[in-house]
Amino acid sequence: MTDADETPDTLGAADSGADPAAKDPSTWVTGDEPMTAPQRSYLDTLAREAGEEIPADLSKAEASEQIERLQDKTGRSSG
């Protein structure tokens, strides 16, 4: 078999046409790491606007889920 006959190395699945940024946070490789500083700041803003208190020790995945929920609640959602 020549190099031309070999299948190239790939990561992940074939492009399904879905937005790669729209992955389910529960499947993130780094989802269990602490939330990032930008997530923390934005989540603080959204929680204040929504009149809610959110735990400060969320993971990246949990923070993302809360951000999405609060964006919907506050009318800041992009969709």
N, C-alpha and C. Protein backbone atom coordinates (compact mmCIF):
# COMPACT_ATOMS: atom_id res chain seq x y z
N MET A 1 0.85 -1.18 0.00
CA MET A 1 0.00 0.00 0.00
C MET A 1 0.89 1.23 0.00
N THR A 2 0.58 2.18 -0.85
CA THR A 2 1.36 3.41 -0.91
C THR A 2 0.73 4.46 0.00
N ASP A 3 1.48 5.54 0.24
CA ASP A 3 0.96 6.62 1.06
C ASP A 3 -0.34 7.18 0.50
N ALA A 4 -0.49 7.21 -0.81
CA ALA A 4 -1.68 7.76 -1.43
C ALA A 4 -2.91 6.90 -1.14
N ASP A 5 -2.69 5.59 -0.85
CA ASP A 5 -3.80 4.68 -0.59
C ASP A 5 -4.25 4.73 0.87
N GLU A 6 -3.45 5.30 1.74
CA GLU A 6 -3.79 5.31 3.16
C GLU A 6 -4.80 6.42 3.46
N THR A 7 -5.66 6.15 4.42
CA THR A 7 -6.61 7.15 4.88
C THR A 7 -5.88 8.12 5.79
N PRO A 8 -6.08 9.41 5.62
CA PRO A 8 -5.38 10.37 6.47
C PRO A 8 -5.86 10.28 7.92
N ASP A 9 -4.98 10.62 8.85
CA ASP A 9 -5.36 10.66 10.26
C ASP A 9 -6.38 11.76 10.46
N THR A 10 -7.39 11.48 11.26
CA THR A 10 -8.40 12.48 11.54
C THR A 10 -8.74 12.47 13.02
N LEU A 11 -9.31 13.54 13.49
CA LEU A 11 -9.82 13.65 14.84
C LEU A 11 -11.31 13.95 14.75
N GLY A 12 -12.08 13.40 15.63
CA GLY A 12 -13.52 13.67 15.64
C GLY A 12 -14.23 13.00 14.49
N ALA A 13 -15.48 13.31 14.36
CA ALA A 13 -16.30 12.72 13.31
C ALA A 13 -16.28 13.57 12.06
N ALA A 14 -16.79 13.01 10.99
CA ALA A 14 -16.91 13.76 9.74
C ALA A 14 -17.83 14.94 9.97
N ASP A 15 -17.65 15.99 9.22
CA ASP A 15 -18.45 17.20 9.36
C ASP A 15 -19.92 16.87 9.13
N SER A 16 -20.72 17.10 10.14
CA SER A 16 -22.16 16.82 10.04
C SER A 16 -22.93 18.06 9.63
N GLY A 17 -22.23 19.17 9.44
CA GLY A 17 -22.89 20.42 9.10
C GLY A 17 -23.34 21.19 10.32
N ALA A 18 -23.20 20.59 11.50
CA ALA A 18 -23.60 21.26 12.73
C ALA A 18 -22.53 22.26 13.14
N ASP A 19 -22.94 23.27 13.84
CA ASP A 19 -22.03 24.29 14.35
C ASP A 19 -21.12 23.64 15.39
N PRO A 20 -19.80 23.63 15.18
CA PRO A 20 -18.90 22.98 16.14
C PRO A 20 -18.90 23.67 17.50
N ALA A 21 -19.29 24.92 17.56
CA ALA A 21 -19.34 25.64 18.83
C ALA A 21 -20.58 25.26 19.63
N ALA A 22 -21.49 24.51 19.04
CA ALA A 22 -22.74 24.17 19.69
C ALA A 22 -22.71 22.77 20.30
N LYS A 23 -21.54 22.28 20.67
CA LYS A 23 -21.43 20.97 21.31
C LYS A 23 -22.12 20.99 22.66
N ASP A 24 -22.64 19.84 23.03
CA ASP A 24 -23.26 19.68 24.35
C ASP A 24 -22.16 19.81 25.40
N PRO A 25 -22.29 20.76 26.33
CA PRO A 25 -21.25 20.96 27.34
C PRO A 25 -20.91 19.71 28.14
N SER A 26 -21.86 18.79 28.29
CA SER A 26 -21.58 17.58 29.07
C SER A 26 -20.58 16.67 28.36
N THR A 27 -20.32 16.90 27.07
CA THR A 27 -19.38 16.07 26.34
C THR A 27 -18.01 16.74 26.17
N TRP A 28 -17.83 17.95 26.72
CA TRP A 28 -16.57 18.65 26.58
C TRP A 28 -15.46 17.91 27.31
N VAL A 29 -14.30 17.82 26.70
CA VAL A 29 -13.14 17.20 27.33
C VAL A 29 -12.72 17.98 28.57
N THR A 30 -12.81 19.30 28.51
CA THR A 30 -12.39 20.13 29.65
C THR A 30 -13.58 20.66 30.44
N GLY A 31 -14.74 20.06 30.25
CA GLY A 31 -15.95 20.54 30.89
C GLY A 31 -15.94 20.51 32.40
N ASP A 32 -15.12 19.65 32.98
CA ASP A 32 -15.09 19.55 34.44
C ASP A 32 -14.06 20.50 35.08
N GLU A 33 -13.34 21.25 34.26
CA GLU A 33 -12.40 22.24 34.79
C GLU A 33 -13.18 23.44 35.31
N PRO A 34 -12.59 24.23 36.20
CA PRO A 34 -13.28 25.43 36.69
C PRO A 34 -13.63 26.39 35.55
N MET A 35 -14.73 27.12 35.73
CA MET A 35 -15.13 28.07 34.69
C MET A 35 -14.01 29.08 34.45
N THR A 36 -14.01 29.63 33.26
CA THR A 36 -12.99 30.62 32.89
C THR A 36 -13.36 31.98 33.46
N ALA A 37 -12.40 32.89 33.48
CA ALA A 37 -12.65 34.25 33.96
C ALA A 37 -13.72 34.95 33.12
N PRO A 38 -13.68 34.83 31.78
CA PRO A 38 -14.75 35.46 30.99
C PRO A 38 -16.14 34.86 31.28
N GLN A 39 -16.21 33.54 31.47
CA GLN A 39 -17.48 32.93 31.83
C GLN A 39 -17.98 33.49 33.16
N ARG A 40 -17.09 33.58 34.12
CA ARG A 40 -17.45 34.07 35.46
C ARG A 40 -17.99 35.50 35.39
N SER A 41 -17.32 36.34 34.64
CA SER A 41 -17.74 37.73 34.51
C SER A 41 -19.10 37.84 33.83
N TYR A 42 -19.28 37.12 32.73
CA TYR A 42 -20.53 37.19 31.99
C TYR A 42 -21.67 36.58 32.80
N LEU A 43 -21.38 35.47 33.48
CA LEU A 43 -22.38 34.82 34.31
C LEU A 43 -22.81 35.74 35.44
N ASP A 44 -21.87 36.48 36.02
CA ASP A 44 -22.20 37.44 37.07
C ASP A 44 -23.14 38.52 36.53
N THR A 45 -22.84 39.03 35.35
CA THR A 45 -23.69 40.04 34.73
C THR A 45 -25.09 39.50 34.46
N LEU A 46 -25.17 38.32 33.87
CA LEU A 46 -26.47 37.74 33.55
C LEU A 46 -27.27 37.44 34.82
N ALA A 47 -26.62 36.90 35.84
CA ALA A 47 -27.31 36.56 37.08
C ALA A 47 -27.88 37.82 37.73
N ARG A 48 -27.10 38.90 37.71
CA ARG A 48 -27.59 40.17 38.28
C ARG A 48 -28.82 40.66 37.52
N GLU A 49 -28.75 40.60 36.18
CA GLU A 49 -29.88 41.05 35.36
C GLU A 49 -31.11 40.19 35.61
N ALA A 50 -30.91 38.90 35.85
CA ALA A 50 -32.02 37.98 36.06
C ALA A 50 -32.48 37.96 37.51
N GLY A 51 -31.75 38.65 38.40
CA GLY A 51 -32.10 38.66 39.80
C GLY A 51 -31.88 37.33 40.48
N GLU A 52 -30.86 36.61 40.04
CA GLU A 52 -30.55 35.29 40.58
C GLU A 52 -29.16 35.27 41.20
N GLU A 53 -28.96 34.32 42.10
CA GLU A 53 -27.63 34.04 42.63
C GLU A 53 -27.21 32.68 42.10
N ILE A 54 -25.99 32.61 41.58
CA ILE A 54 -25.44 31.39 40.99
C ILE A 54 -24.20 31.00 41.79
N PRO A 55 -24.00 29.71 42.08
CA PRO A 55 -22.78 29.30 42.78
C PRO A 55 -21.53 29.74 42.01
N ALA A 56 -20.50 30.14 42.75
CA ALA A 56 -19.28 30.64 42.14
C ALA A 56 -18.28 29.54 41.80
N ASP A 57 -18.59 28.30 42.13
CA ASP A 57 -17.63 27.21 41.91
C ASP A 57 -18.07 26.26 40.79
N LEU A 58 -18.70 26.79 39.76
CA LEU A 58 -19.17 25.97 38.65
C LEU A 58 -18.02 25.51 37.76
N SER A 59 -18.24 24.41 37.08
CA SER A 59 -17.29 23.94 36.06
C SER A 59 -17.55 24.71 34.77
N LYS A 60 -16.66 24.54 33.80
CA LYS A 60 -16.86 25.19 32.49
C LYS A 60 -18.19 24.77 31.88
N ALA A 61 -18.49 23.48 31.95
CA ALA A 61 -19.73 22.98 31.36
C ALA A 61 -20.95 23.52 32.09
N GLU A 62 -20.92 23.51 33.41
CA GLU A 62 -22.04 24.03 34.19
C GLU A 62 -22.24 25.52 33.93
N ALA A 63 -21.14 26.26 33.86
CA ALA A 63 -21.22 27.70 33.60
C ALA A 63 -21.85 27.95 32.23
N SER A 64 -21.46 27.17 31.25
CA SER A 64 -22.00 27.33 29.91
C SER A 64 -23.51 27.08 29.90
N GLU A 65 -23.94 26.06 30.62
CA GLU A 65 -25.37 25.75 30.68
C GLU A 65 -26.14 26.87 31.38
N GLN A 66 -25.58 27.41 32.45
CA GLN A 66 -26.22 28.51 33.16
C GLN A 66 -26.26 29.77 32.30
N ILE A 67 -25.18 30.03 31.57
CA ILE A 67 -25.14 31.20 30.68
C ILE A 67 -26.25 31.08 29.64
N GLU A 68 -26.37 29.92 29.03
CA GLU A 68 -27.40 29.73 28.02
C GLU A 68 -28.80 29.94 28.61
N ARG A 69 -29.04 29.38 29.78
CA ARG A 69 -30.33 29.52 30.44
C ARG A 69 -30.63 30.99 30.76
N LEU A 70 -29.63 31.67 31.33
CA LEU A 70 -29.84 33.07 31.71
C LEU A 70 -29.93 33.99 30.49
N GLN A 71 -29.26 33.66 29.42
CA GLN A 71 -29.40 34.45 28.20
C GLN A 71 -30.85 34.39 27.71
N ASP A 72 -31.43 33.20 27.76
CA ASP A 72 -32.83 33.07 27.37
C ASP A 72 -33.73 33.87 28.30
N LYS A 73 -33.46 33.78 29.59
CA LYS A 73 -34.29 34.46 30.59
C LYS A 73 -34.21 35.97 30.46
N THR A 74 -33.03 36.50 30.15
CA THR A 74 -32.84 37.95 30.09
C THR A 74 -33.04 38.53 28.70
N GLY A 75 -33.30 37.67 27.72
CA GLY A 75 -33.49 38.16 26.35
C GLY A 75 -32.20 38.43 25.61
N ARG A 76 -31.09 37.93 26.14
CA ARG A 76 -29.80 38.13 25.49
C ARG A 76 -29.41 36.98 24.58
N SER A 77 -30.27 36.00 24.41
CA SER A 77 -29.89 34.84 23.61
C SER A 77 -29.76 35.23 22.15
N SER A 78 -28.84 34.58 21.47
CA SER A 78 -28.58 34.91 20.08
C SER A 78 -29.49 34.14 19.13
N GLY A 79 -30.23 33.18 19.67
CA GLY A 79 -31.05 32.36 18.78
C GLY A 79 -32.47 32.58 18.85
